[in-house]
């Protein structure tokens, strides 16, 4: 039986997942995503290849698992912010933007926002199966709440509006991935762009 590195099995698995995320990050700095195989990942993470298959059956499943695990804290945090219905929608939206951009600095999440990440992003399920779907739903709820309260303008198709605004968030996450020191300025710009796009116009 392989040696357990952590204080218990759960801690051991968390350490292995962290190693796998770091292995993917390093490999993507060296080669195209399509040229990476499970052998490369296992070797870089310091695992036997057979052990790696206990964590994921193939590279696609590994990417999905890494993304899903990395997204959990952000989903929980965004849901908690969105649920504060007594707070103004704009205030909640500002906090959600900050939370999502902070989440993008996670080692596994960074994989999604690095240059040339399109093939890797394509591996992540879309729609309700996406690990980010719950965040999208919460943001849509905040936008609808803001419209109902008269804080936000009527954007018409809320789902489309949020989908378009998610492009701002992705651009911000990519910028932070390239320049971590630009986090504060990038978050501020993202908040300004998104909230301005939702703001009510003078009659």
N, C-alpha and C. Protein backbone atom coordinates (compact mmCIF):
# COMPACT_ATOMS: atom_id res chain seq x y z
N UNK A 1 0.84 -1.19 0.00
CA UNK A 1 0.00 0.00 0.00
C UNK A 1 0.88 1.25 0.00
N UNK A 2 0.58 2.25 -0.87
CA UNK A 2 1.40 3.46 -0.93
C UNK A 2 1.40 4.19 0.41
N UNK A 3 2.53 4.84 0.69
CA UNK A 3 2.66 5.59 1.93
C UNK A 3 1.73 6.79 1.94
N UNK A 4 1.04 7.02 3.05
CA UNK A 4 0.16 8.17 3.19
C UNK A 4 1.01 9.36 3.62
N UNK A 5 0.94 10.44 2.86
CA UNK A 5 1.79 11.60 3.13
C UNK A 5 1.20 12.49 4.22
N UNK A 6 -0.13 12.63 4.26
CA UNK A 6 -0.75 13.53 5.22
C UNK A 6 -1.04 12.84 6.54
N UNK A 7 -1.72 13.56 7.41
CA UNK A 7 -2.07 13.03 8.72
C UNK A 7 -3.14 11.95 8.61
N UNK A 8 -3.89 11.97 7.51
CA UNK A 8 -4.92 10.96 7.26
C UNK A 8 -5.12 10.83 5.76
N UNK A 9 -6.00 9.93 5.37
CA UNK A 9 -6.21 9.66 3.94
C UNK A 9 -6.74 10.90 3.22
N UNK A 10 -7.68 11.62 3.85
CA UNK A 10 -8.26 12.80 3.21
C UNK A 10 -7.19 13.86 2.94
N UNK A 11 -6.34 14.08 3.92
CA UNK A 11 -5.27 15.06 3.74
C UNK A 11 -4.30 14.60 2.66
N UNK A 12 -4.03 13.31 2.63
CA UNK A 12 -3.16 12.75 1.59
C UNK A 12 -3.73 13.04 0.21
N UNK A 13 -5.04 12.79 0.02
CA UNK A 13 -5.66 13.03 -1.28
C UNK A 13 -5.60 14.50 -1.67
N UNK A 14 -5.81 15.39 -0.70
CA UNK A 14 -5.74 16.82 -0.99
C UNK A 14 -4.35 17.20 -1.47
N UNK A 15 -3.34 16.62 -0.86
CA UNK A 15 -1.96 16.91 -1.26
C UNK A 15 -1.69 16.39 -2.67
N UNK A 16 -2.22 15.22 -2.98
CA UNK A 16 -2.03 14.68 -4.33
C UNK A 16 -2.73 15.55 -5.36
N UNK A 17 -3.96 15.99 -5.08
CA UNK A 17 -4.67 16.88 -6.01
C UNK A 17 -3.89 18.17 -6.24
N UNK A 18 -3.30 18.71 -5.17
CA UNK A 18 -2.48 19.92 -5.32
C UNK A 18 -1.27 19.64 -6.20
N UNK A 19 -0.66 18.47 -6.05
CA UNK A 19 0.48 18.10 -6.89
C UNK A 19 0.07 17.95 -8.34
N UNK A 20 -1.12 17.41 -8.56
CA UNK A 20 -1.61 17.23 -9.94
C UNK A 20 -1.86 18.57 -10.61
N UNK A 21 -2.44 19.51 -9.86
CA UNK A 21 -2.66 20.85 -10.42
C UNK A 21 -1.34 21.51 -10.77
N UNK A 22 -0.36 21.38 -9.89
CA UNK A 22 0.95 21.98 -10.15
C UNK A 22 1.63 21.28 -11.32
N UNK A 23 1.48 19.97 -11.43
CA UNK A 23 2.06 19.23 -12.54
C UNK A 23 1.49 19.72 -13.87
N UNK A 24 0.18 19.90 -13.92
CA UNK A 24 -0.45 20.40 -15.14
C UNK A 24 0.05 21.80 -15.46
N UNK A 25 0.16 22.63 -14.46
CA UNK A 25 0.63 24.00 -14.68
C UNK A 25 2.03 24.00 -15.29
N UNK A 26 2.93 23.21 -14.71
CA UNK A 26 4.30 23.15 -15.22
C UNK A 26 4.34 22.61 -16.65
N UNK A 27 3.60 21.55 -16.89
CA UNK A 27 3.61 20.93 -18.22
C UNK A 27 3.08 21.89 -19.28
N UNK A 28 2.07 22.67 -18.92
CA UNK A 28 1.49 23.61 -19.90
C UNK A 28 2.43 24.76 -20.21
N UNK A 29 3.41 24.99 -19.37
CA UNK A 29 4.43 26.00 -19.66
C UNK A 29 5.45 25.47 -20.67
N UNK A 30 5.49 24.15 -20.79
CA UNK A 30 6.52 23.51 -21.60
C UNK A 30 6.03 22.98 -22.93
N UNK A 31 4.73 22.65 -23.02
CA UNK A 31 4.24 22.00 -24.23
C UNK A 31 2.76 22.28 -24.44
N UNK A 32 2.28 21.97 -25.65
CA UNK A 32 0.86 22.14 -25.95
C UNK A 32 0.04 21.14 -25.15
N UNK A 33 -1.19 21.55 -24.83
CA UNK A 33 -2.08 20.69 -24.06
C UNK A 33 -2.28 19.33 -24.74
N UNK A 34 -2.48 19.34 -26.06
CA UNK A 34 -2.77 18.09 -26.77
C UNK A 34 -1.62 17.09 -26.71
N UNK A 35 -0.40 17.59 -26.48
CA UNK A 35 0.76 16.68 -26.46
C UNK A 35 1.02 16.10 -25.06
N UNK A 36 0.26 16.55 -24.08
CA UNK A 36 0.44 16.04 -22.71
C UNK A 36 -0.38 14.77 -22.53
N UNK A 37 0.23 13.75 -21.95
CA UNK A 37 -0.51 12.52 -21.68
C UNK A 37 -0.46 12.18 -20.19
N UNK A 38 -1.15 11.14 -19.81
CA UNK A 38 -1.23 10.77 -18.40
C UNK A 38 0.13 10.38 -17.83
N UNK A 39 0.99 9.82 -18.67
CA UNK A 39 2.33 9.47 -18.23
C UNK A 39 3.12 10.70 -17.83
N UNK A 40 3.02 11.77 -18.67
CA UNK A 40 3.70 13.02 -18.34
C UNK A 40 3.21 13.57 -17.01
N UNK A 41 1.90 13.55 -16.81
CA UNK A 41 1.30 14.11 -15.60
C UNK A 41 1.74 13.32 -14.37
N UNK A 42 1.67 11.99 -14.48
CA UNK A 42 2.06 11.14 -13.35
C UNK A 42 3.52 11.37 -12.98
N UNK A 43 4.38 11.41 -13.98
CA UNK A 43 5.81 11.58 -13.71
C UNK A 43 6.07 12.93 -13.04
N UNK A 44 5.44 13.98 -13.56
CA UNK A 44 5.67 15.32 -13.00
C UNK A 44 5.12 15.44 -11.58
N UNK A 45 4.02 14.75 -11.32
CA UNK A 45 3.42 14.81 -9.97
C UNK A 45 4.07 13.83 -9.00
N UNK A 46 4.99 13.00 -9.49
CA UNK A 46 5.66 12.05 -8.62
C UNK A 46 4.80 10.86 -8.26
N UNK A 47 3.91 10.48 -9.19
CA UNK A 47 3.00 9.36 -8.94
C UNK A 47 3.30 8.22 -9.91
N UNK A 48 2.99 7.00 -9.47
CA UNK A 48 2.98 5.88 -10.41
C UNK A 48 1.79 6.08 -11.34
N UNK A 49 1.95 5.70 -12.59
CA UNK A 49 0.85 5.92 -13.55
C UNK A 49 -0.42 5.21 -13.09
N UNK A 50 -0.28 4.01 -12.57
CA UNK A 50 -1.47 3.28 -12.09
C UNK A 50 -2.16 4.02 -10.95
N UNK A 51 -1.37 4.70 -10.12
CA UNK A 51 -1.96 5.48 -9.02
C UNK A 51 -2.76 6.66 -9.58
N UNK A 52 -2.23 7.29 -10.62
CA UNK A 52 -2.94 8.42 -11.23
C UNK A 52 -4.33 8.01 -11.70
N UNK A 53 -4.44 6.79 -12.23
CA UNK A 53 -5.75 6.33 -12.72
C UNK A 53 -6.76 6.14 -11.59
N UNK A 54 -6.29 6.12 -10.35
CA UNK A 54 -7.23 6.10 -9.23
C UNK A 54 -7.91 7.45 -9.04
N UNK A 55 -7.29 8.49 -9.60
CA UNK A 55 -7.82 9.85 -9.47
C UNK A 55 -8.61 10.27 -10.71
N UNK A 56 -8.24 9.77 -11.86
CA UNK A 56 -8.97 10.11 -13.09
C UNK A 56 -8.67 9.07 -14.15
N UNK A 57 -9.68 8.73 -14.95
CA UNK A 57 -9.50 7.66 -15.95
C UNK A 57 -8.71 8.14 -17.17
N UNK A 58 -8.73 9.46 -17.42
CA UNK A 58 -7.99 10.01 -18.55
C UNK A 58 -7.74 11.49 -18.31
N UNK A 59 -7.07 12.12 -19.26
CA UNK A 59 -6.69 13.53 -19.10
C UNK A 59 -7.92 14.43 -19.01
N UNK A 60 -8.92 14.18 -19.83
CA UNK A 60 -10.14 15.00 -19.81
C UNK A 60 -10.81 14.93 -18.44
N UNK A 61 -10.92 13.73 -17.90
CA UNK A 61 -11.55 13.56 -16.59
C UNK A 61 -10.73 14.25 -15.51
N UNK A 62 -9.40 14.23 -15.65
CA UNK A 62 -8.54 14.89 -14.67
C UNK A 62 -8.76 16.40 -14.69
N UNK A 63 -8.83 16.97 -15.88
CA UNK A 63 -9.06 18.42 -16.01
C UNK A 63 -10.40 18.80 -15.40
N UNK A 64 -11.42 18.01 -15.68
CA UNK A 64 -12.75 18.30 -15.12
C UNK A 64 -12.73 18.21 -13.60
N UNK A 65 -12.04 17.19 -13.08
CA UNK A 65 -11.98 17.03 -11.63
C UNK A 65 -11.21 18.16 -10.97
N UNK A 66 -10.10 18.56 -11.56
CA UNK A 66 -9.32 19.66 -11.01
C UNK A 66 -10.13 20.95 -11.00
N UNK A 67 -10.84 21.21 -12.09
CA UNK A 67 -11.64 22.43 -12.19
C UNK A 67 -12.79 22.41 -11.20
N UNK A 68 -13.46 21.26 -11.10
CA UNK A 68 -14.60 21.15 -10.18
C UNK A 68 -14.14 21.35 -8.74
N UNK A 69 -13.03 20.77 -8.38
CA UNK A 69 -12.53 20.91 -7.01
C UNK A 69 -12.12 22.35 -6.74
N UNK A 70 -11.46 22.98 -7.70
CA UNK A 70 -11.01 24.35 -7.51
C UNK A 70 -12.16 25.33 -7.44
N UNK A 71 -13.28 24.99 -8.09
CA UNK A 71 -14.42 25.92 -8.13
C UNK A 71 -15.29 25.86 -6.88
N UNK A 72 -15.17 24.80 -6.08
CA UNK A 72 -16.08 24.62 -4.93
C UNK A 72 -16.07 25.80 -3.95
N UNK A 73 -14.91 26.28 -3.51
CA UNK A 73 -14.94 27.40 -2.56
C UNK A 73 -15.60 28.65 -3.16
N UNK A 74 -15.35 28.90 -4.45
CA UNK A 74 -15.94 30.08 -5.09
C UNK A 74 -17.45 29.94 -5.18
N UNK A 75 -17.93 28.75 -5.52
CA UNK A 75 -19.38 28.52 -5.61
C UNK A 75 -20.02 28.77 -4.25
N UNK A 76 -19.41 28.25 -3.21
CA UNK A 76 -19.96 28.42 -1.86
C UNK A 76 -19.96 29.88 -1.45
N UNK A 77 -18.87 30.57 -1.74
CA UNK A 77 -18.76 31.98 -1.35
C UNK A 77 -19.76 32.84 -2.13
N UNK A 78 -19.87 32.61 -3.43
CA UNK A 78 -20.80 33.39 -4.25
C UNK A 78 -22.23 33.15 -3.81
N UNK A 79 -22.58 31.90 -3.51
CA UNK A 79 -23.94 31.58 -3.07
C UNK A 79 -24.27 32.32 -1.77
N UNK A 80 -23.29 32.39 -0.87
CA UNK A 80 -23.51 33.09 0.41
C UNK A 80 -23.72 34.58 0.19
N UNK A 81 -22.95 35.16 -0.71
CA UNK A 81 -23.10 36.59 -1.01
C UNK A 81 -24.46 36.87 -1.65
N UNK A 82 -24.81 36.05 -2.64
CA UNK A 82 -26.06 36.25 -3.37
C UNK A 82 -27.27 36.10 -2.46
N UNK A 83 -27.16 35.26 -1.43
CA UNK A 83 -28.29 34.99 -0.53
C UNK A 83 -28.59 36.15 0.41
N UNK A 84 -27.71 37.13 0.48
CA UNK A 84 -27.93 38.27 1.40
C UNK A 84 -28.94 39.24 0.77
N UNK A 85 -30.17 38.80 0.70
CA UNK A 85 -31.20 39.54 -0.01
C UNK A 85 -31.50 40.91 0.57
N UNK A 86 -31.13 41.16 1.83
CA UNK A 86 -31.36 42.48 2.42
C UNK A 86 -30.36 43.51 1.93
N UNK A 87 -29.24 43.04 1.36
CA UNK A 87 -28.21 43.95 0.87
C UNK A 87 -28.52 44.41 -0.55
N UNK A 88 -28.09 45.62 -0.93
CA UNK A 88 -28.30 46.09 -2.30
C UNK A 88 -27.68 45.13 -3.32
N UNK A 89 -28.32 45.00 -4.45
CA UNK A 89 -27.81 44.10 -5.49
C UNK A 89 -26.43 44.53 -5.97
N UNK A 90 -26.22 45.84 -6.08
CA UNK A 90 -24.92 46.33 -6.56
C UNK A 90 -23.80 45.96 -5.60
N UNK A 91 -24.08 46.04 -4.30
CA UNK A 91 -23.08 45.66 -3.30
C UNK A 91 -22.74 44.18 -3.42
N UNK A 92 -23.76 43.35 -3.58
CA UNK A 92 -23.52 41.92 -3.73
C UNK A 92 -22.74 41.62 -5.00
N UNK A 93 -23.08 42.34 -6.08
CA UNK A 93 -22.38 42.11 -7.35
C UNK A 93 -20.91 42.48 -7.22
N UNK A 94 -20.62 43.58 -6.54
CA UNK A 94 -19.22 43.96 -6.34
C UNK A 94 -18.46 42.86 -5.61
N UNK A 95 -19.07 42.31 -4.57
CA UNK A 95 -18.40 41.25 -3.80
C UNK A 95 -18.24 39.97 -4.61
N UNK A 96 -19.23 39.66 -5.44
CA UNK A 96 -19.14 38.46 -6.27
C UNK A 96 -18.00 38.60 -7.28
N UNK A 97 -17.87 39.76 -7.87
CA UNK A 97 -16.78 39.99 -8.83
C UNK A 97 -15.44 39.76 -8.15
N UNK A 98 -15.28 40.32 -6.95
CA UNK A 98 -14.03 40.14 -6.19
C UNK A 98 -13.80 38.66 -5.87
N UNK A 99 -14.87 37.97 -5.45
CA UNK A 99 -14.74 36.56 -5.08
C UNK A 99 -14.32 35.70 -6.26
N UNK A 100 -14.92 35.94 -7.41
CA UNK A 100 -14.61 35.13 -8.59
C UNK A 100 -13.18 35.40 -9.07
N UNK A 101 -12.78 36.66 -9.06
CA UNK A 101 -11.41 36.97 -9.49
C UNK A 101 -10.39 36.41 -8.50
N UNK A 102 -10.71 36.42 -7.22
CA UNK A 102 -9.81 35.80 -6.24
C UNK A 102 -9.70 34.30 -6.49
N UNK A 103 -10.83 33.69 -6.83
CA UNK A 103 -10.82 32.24 -7.10
C UNK A 103 -9.94 31.91 -8.30
N UNK A 104 -9.86 32.83 -9.25
CA UNK A 104 -9.07 32.57 -10.46
C UNK A 104 -7.58 32.49 -10.17
N UNK A 105 -7.17 32.91 -8.97
CA UNK A 105 -5.75 32.82 -8.61
C UNK A 105 -5.38 31.45 -8.06
N UNK A 106 -6.38 30.59 -7.81
CA UNK A 106 -6.10 29.22 -7.38
C UNK A 106 -5.28 28.50 -8.45
N UNK A 107 -4.34 27.68 -8.00
CA UNK A 107 -3.43 27.00 -8.93
C UNK A 107 -4.16 26.24 -10.03
N UNK A 108 -5.20 25.49 -9.64
CA UNK A 108 -5.93 24.70 -10.64
C UNK A 108 -6.77 25.60 -11.54
N UNK A 109 -7.35 26.65 -10.98
CA UNK A 109 -8.16 27.56 -11.78
C UNK A 109 -7.30 28.34 -12.78
N UNK A 110 -6.07 28.61 -12.40
CA UNK A 110 -5.17 29.34 -13.30
C UNK A 110 -5.02 28.61 -14.64
N UNK A 111 -5.14 27.29 -14.59
CA UNK A 111 -5.00 26.51 -15.82
C UNK A 111 -6.01 26.97 -16.87
N UNK A 112 -7.19 27.42 -16.43
CA UNK A 112 -8.26 27.81 -17.34
C UNK A 112 -8.02 29.17 -17.98
N UNK A 113 -7.11 29.96 -17.40
CA UNK A 113 -6.98 31.34 -17.82
C UNK A 113 -5.60 31.71 -18.34
N UNK A 114 -4.79 30.71 -18.61
CA UNK A 114 -3.47 30.98 -19.14
C UNK A 114 -3.55 31.12 -20.66
N UNK A 115 -2.59 31.82 -21.30
CA UNK A 115 -2.58 31.91 -22.76
C UNK A 115 -2.54 30.52 -23.38
N UNK A 116 -3.30 30.33 -24.44
CA UNK A 116 -3.33 29.04 -25.12
C UNK A 116 -4.14 27.98 -24.41
N UNK A 117 -5.03 28.40 -23.50
CA UNK A 117 -5.79 27.43 -22.70
C UNK A 117 -7.05 26.91 -23.40
N UNK A 118 -7.31 27.37 -24.62
CA UNK A 118 -8.56 27.00 -25.30
C UNK A 118 -8.80 25.49 -25.35
N UNK A 119 -7.82 24.64 -25.72
CA UNK A 119 -8.08 23.19 -25.75
C UNK A 119 -8.44 22.65 -24.37
N UNK A 120 -7.82 23.19 -23.34
CA UNK A 120 -8.09 22.74 -21.98
C UNK A 120 -9.49 23.19 -21.55
N UNK A 121 -9.85 24.44 -21.86
CA UNK A 121 -11.18 24.96 -21.53
C UNK A 121 -12.25 24.14 -22.23
N UNK A 122 -11.95 23.68 -23.45
CA UNK A 122 -12.93 22.89 -24.21
C UNK A 122 -13.25 21.57 -23.53
N UNK A 123 -12.36 21.11 -22.64
CA UNK A 123 -12.60 19.85 -21.92
C UNK A 123 -13.63 20.02 -20.80
N UNK A 124 -13.84 21.25 -20.36
CA UNK A 124 -14.74 21.50 -19.22
C UNK A 124 -16.18 21.52 -19.73
N UNK A 125 -17.08 20.78 -19.11
CA UNK A 125 -18.48 20.75 -19.56
C UNK A 125 -19.11 22.14 -19.56
N UNK A 126 -20.06 22.33 -20.47
CA UNK A 126 -20.78 23.59 -20.54
C UNK A 126 -22.19 23.41 -19.98
N UNK A 127 -22.88 24.53 -19.79
CA UNK A 127 -24.27 24.47 -19.33
C UNK A 127 -24.38 23.96 -17.91
N UNK A 128 -25.48 23.27 -17.60
CA UNK A 128 -25.73 22.81 -16.22
C UNK A 128 -24.66 21.88 -15.67
N UNK A 129 -23.90 21.22 -16.55
CA UNK A 129 -22.85 20.31 -16.08
C UNK A 129 -21.53 21.03 -15.78
N UNK A 130 -21.47 22.31 -16.09
CA UNK A 130 -20.24 23.07 -15.85
C UNK A 130 -20.04 23.30 -14.36
N UNK A 131 -18.80 23.23 -13.88
CA UNK A 131 -18.56 23.51 -12.47
C UNK A 131 -18.84 24.96 -12.11
N UNK A 132 -18.95 25.82 -13.13
CA UNK A 132 -19.21 27.23 -12.90
C UNK A 132 -20.69 27.58 -13.05
N UNK A 133 -21.51 26.59 -13.39
CA UNK A 133 -22.93 26.87 -13.65
C UNK A 133 -23.62 27.48 -12.43
N UNK A 134 -23.31 26.97 -11.24
CA UNK A 134 -23.95 27.48 -10.03
C UNK A 134 -23.63 28.95 -9.81
N UNK A 135 -22.41 29.37 -10.17
CA UNK A 135 -22.04 30.78 -10.05
C UNK A 135 -22.87 31.62 -11.01
N UNK A 136 -23.00 31.15 -12.25
CA UNK A 136 -23.79 31.87 -13.24
C UNK A 136 -25.23 32.05 -12.77
N UNK A 137 -25.81 30.99 -12.23
CA UNK A 137 -27.19 31.05 -11.74
C UNK A 137 -27.32 32.08 -10.62
N UNK A 138 -26.38 32.10 -9.70
CA UNK A 138 -26.43 33.06 -8.59
C UNK A 138 -26.31 34.49 -9.10
N UNK A 139 -25.42 34.71 -10.06
CA UNK A 139 -25.26 36.05 -10.63
C UNK A 139 -26.54 36.48 -11.34
N UNK A 140 -27.15 35.57 -12.09
CA UNK A 140 -28.41 35.89 -12.75
C UNK A 140 -29.48 36.27 -11.73
N UNK A 141 -29.52 35.57 -10.62
CA UNK A 141 -30.50 35.88 -9.57
C UNK A 141 -30.28 37.27 -8.99
N UNK A 142 -29.02 37.64 -8.79
CA UNK A 142 -28.72 38.98 -8.26
C UNK A 142 -29.12 40.05 -9.27
N UNK A 143 -28.86 39.79 -10.56
CA UNK A 143 -29.25 40.76 -11.59
C UNK A 143 -30.77 40.92 -11.63
N UNK A 144 -31.48 39.80 -11.60
CA UNK A 144 -32.95 39.88 -11.61
C UNK A 144 -33.47 40.63 -10.38
N UNK A 145 -32.85 40.37 -9.24
CA UNK A 145 -33.25 41.05 -8.01
C UNK A 145 -33.01 42.56 -8.14
N UNK A 146 -31.86 42.91 -8.70
CA UNK A 146 -31.54 44.32 -8.88
C UNK A 146 -32.50 45.02 -9.83
N UNK A 147 -32.92 44.31 -10.87
CA UNK A 147 -33.90 44.87 -11.81
C UNK A 147 -35.24 45.06 -11.12
N UNK A 148 -35.66 44.05 -10.37
CA UNK A 148 -36.96 44.12 -9.68
C UNK A 148 -36.99 45.26 -8.67
N UNK A 149 -35.85 45.56 -8.05
CA UNK A 149 -35.79 46.62 -7.05
C UNK A 149 -35.59 48.00 -7.67
N UNK A 150 -35.32 48.03 -8.96
CA UNK A 150 -35.05 49.30 -9.61
C UNK A 150 -33.62 49.76 -9.49
N UNK A 151 -32.74 48.90 -8.97
CA UNK A 151 -31.32 49.25 -8.87
C UNK A 151 -30.62 49.12 -10.22
N UNK A 152 -30.98 48.10 -10.97
CA UNK A 152 -30.40 47.85 -12.28
C UNK A 152 -31.43 48.15 -13.37
N UNK A 153 -30.95 48.47 -14.54
CA UNK A 153 -31.85 48.65 -15.67
C UNK A 153 -32.36 47.30 -16.15
N UNK A 154 -33.44 47.31 -16.89
CA UNK A 154 -33.97 46.07 -17.47
C UNK A 154 -33.09 45.70 -18.66
N UNK A 155 -32.29 44.66 -18.50
CA UNK A 155 -31.35 44.26 -19.55
C UNK A 155 -31.98 43.34 -20.59
N UNK A 156 -33.26 43.01 -20.38
CA UNK A 156 -33.93 42.11 -21.32
C UNK A 156 -33.60 40.67 -21.02
N UNK A 157 -32.76 40.08 -21.83
CA UNK A 157 -32.36 38.69 -21.66
C UNK A 157 -31.26 38.61 -20.60
N UNK A 158 -31.65 38.27 -19.37
CA UNK A 158 -30.68 38.26 -18.26
C UNK A 158 -29.59 37.23 -18.50
N UNK A 159 -29.96 36.06 -18.98
CA UNK A 159 -28.96 35.01 -19.22
C UNK A 159 -27.92 35.48 -20.23
N UNK A 160 -28.36 36.10 -21.30
CA UNK A 160 -27.42 36.60 -22.31
C UNK A 160 -26.55 37.70 -21.73
N UNK A 161 -27.15 38.61 -20.96
CA UNK A 161 -26.38 39.70 -20.37
C UNK A 161 -25.28 39.16 -19.47
N UNK A 162 -25.62 38.19 -18.64
CA UNK A 162 -24.62 37.62 -17.72
C UNK A 162 -23.56 36.86 -18.51
N UNK A 163 -23.97 36.18 -19.56
CA UNK A 163 -23.01 35.47 -20.41
C UNK A 163 -22.01 36.45 -21.02
N UNK A 164 -22.51 37.59 -21.48
CA UNK A 164 -21.61 38.60 -22.07
C UNK A 164 -20.70 39.20 -21.00
N UNK A 165 -21.26 39.48 -19.83
CA UNK A 165 -20.46 40.05 -18.76
C UNK A 165 -19.40 39.07 -18.25
N UNK A 166 -19.67 37.77 -18.42
CA UNK A 166 -18.67 36.78 -17.99
C UNK A 166 -17.39 36.91 -18.82
N UNK A 167 -17.53 37.49 -20.03
CA UNK A 167 -16.35 37.75 -20.84
C UNK A 167 -15.42 38.77 -20.18
N UNK A 168 -16.01 39.74 -19.50
CA UNK A 168 -15.22 40.72 -18.75
C UNK A 168 -14.45 40.01 -17.65
N UNK A 169 -15.14 39.09 -16.95
CA UNK A 169 -14.51 38.36 -15.86
C UNK A 169 -13.38 37.48 -16.37
N UNK A 170 -13.60 36.82 -17.49
CA UNK A 170 -12.54 35.96 -18.03
C UNK A 170 -11.32 36.80 -18.42
N UNK A 171 -11.58 37.95 -19.06
CA UNK A 171 -10.46 38.82 -19.43
C UNK A 171 -9.70 39.28 -18.20
N UNK A 172 -10.45 39.59 -17.14
CA UNK A 172 -9.81 40.00 -15.89
C UNK A 172 -8.98 38.88 -15.29
N UNK A 173 -9.53 37.66 -15.30
CA UNK A 173 -8.80 36.51 -14.76
C UNK A 173 -7.53 36.24 -15.56
N UNK A 174 -7.62 36.39 -16.88
CA UNK A 174 -6.44 36.18 -17.72
C UNK A 174 -5.37 37.22 -17.43
N UNK A 175 -5.81 38.46 -17.24
CA UNK A 175 -4.87 39.54 -16.92
C UNK A 175 -4.18 39.26 -15.59
N UNK A 176 -4.94 38.85 -14.59
CA UNK A 176 -4.37 38.56 -13.27
C UNK A 176 -3.41 37.37 -13.37
N UNK A 177 -3.75 36.38 -14.23
CA UNK A 177 -2.86 35.25 -14.42
C UNK A 177 -1.52 35.67 -14.98
N UNK A 178 -1.54 36.65 -15.89
CA UNK A 178 -0.29 37.15 -16.47
C UNK A 178 0.45 38.07 -15.52
N UNK A 179 -0.31 38.89 -14.78
CA UNK A 179 0.28 39.90 -13.91
C UNK A 179 -0.41 39.87 -12.54
N UNK A 180 0.00 38.98 -11.65
CA UNK A 180 -0.64 38.89 -10.33
C UNK A 180 -0.69 40.21 -9.58
N UNK A 181 0.31 41.06 -9.78
CA UNK A 181 0.35 42.35 -9.08
C UNK A 181 -0.76 43.29 -9.55
N UNK A 182 -1.38 42.97 -10.68
CA UNK A 182 -2.43 43.83 -11.23
C UNK A 182 -3.81 43.46 -10.68
N UNK A 183 -3.86 42.62 -9.64
CA UNK A 183 -5.16 42.16 -9.14
C UNK A 183 -6.07 43.31 -8.76
N UNK A 184 -5.60 44.22 -7.91
CA UNK A 184 -6.46 45.30 -7.40
C UNK A 184 -6.98 46.17 -8.54
N UNK A 185 -6.10 46.56 -9.45
CA UNK A 185 -6.52 47.42 -10.56
C UNK A 185 -7.48 46.69 -11.48
N UNK A 186 -7.22 45.42 -11.71
CA UNK A 186 -8.08 44.63 -12.60
C UNK A 186 -9.46 44.44 -11.99
N UNK A 187 -9.50 44.11 -10.70
CA UNK A 187 -10.79 43.93 -10.01
C UNK A 187 -11.59 45.23 -10.03
N UNK A 188 -10.90 46.35 -9.81
CA UNK A 188 -11.59 47.64 -9.83
C UNK A 188 -12.18 47.93 -11.21
N UNK A 189 -11.40 47.67 -12.26
CA UNK A 189 -11.88 47.91 -13.61
C UNK A 189 -13.07 46.99 -13.95
N UNK A 190 -12.99 45.73 -13.53
CA UNK A 190 -14.08 44.79 -13.79
C UNK A 190 -15.35 45.24 -13.10
N UNK A 191 -15.23 45.69 -11.84
CA UNK A 191 -16.41 46.18 -11.12
C UNK A 191 -17.02 47.37 -11.83
N UNK A 192 -16.19 48.31 -12.26
CA UNK A 192 -16.69 49.51 -12.93
C UNK A 192 -17.42 49.17 -14.22
N UNK A 193 -16.83 48.30 -15.03
CA UNK A 193 -17.42 47.95 -16.32
C UNK A 193 -18.74 47.22 -16.12
N UNK A 194 -18.76 46.23 -15.24
CA UNK A 194 -19.96 45.42 -15.05
C UNK A 194 -21.08 46.23 -14.41
N UNK A 195 -20.77 46.97 -13.36
CA UNK A 195 -21.82 47.74 -12.69
C UNK A 195 -22.34 48.88 -13.56
N UNK A 196 -21.46 49.47 -14.35
CA UNK A 196 -21.91 50.52 -15.26
C UNK A 196 -22.84 49.96 -16.33
N UNK A 197 -22.57 48.75 -16.78
CA UNK A 197 -23.42 48.14 -17.81
C UNK A 197 -24.80 47.79 -17.26
N UNK A 198 -24.90 47.62 -15.93
CA UNK A 198 -26.17 47.26 -15.31
C UNK A 198 -26.91 48.48 -14.75
N UNK A 199 -26.22 49.59 -14.61
CA UNK A 199 -26.81 50.76 -13.97
C UNK A 199 -28.01 51.30 -14.73
N UNK A 200 -28.97 51.82 -14.00
CA UNK A 200 -30.12 52.45 -14.62
C UNK A 200 -29.69 53.75 -15.29
N UNK A 201 -30.26 54.00 -16.46
CA UNK A 201 -29.97 55.23 -17.18
C UNK A 201 -30.96 56.33 -16.76
N UNK A 202 -30.50 57.58 -16.77
CA UNK A 202 -31.42 58.67 -16.43
C UNK A 202 -32.58 58.69 -17.41
N UNK A 203 -33.77 58.99 -16.93
CA UNK A 203 -34.97 59.01 -17.79
C UNK A 203 -34.85 60.15 -18.80
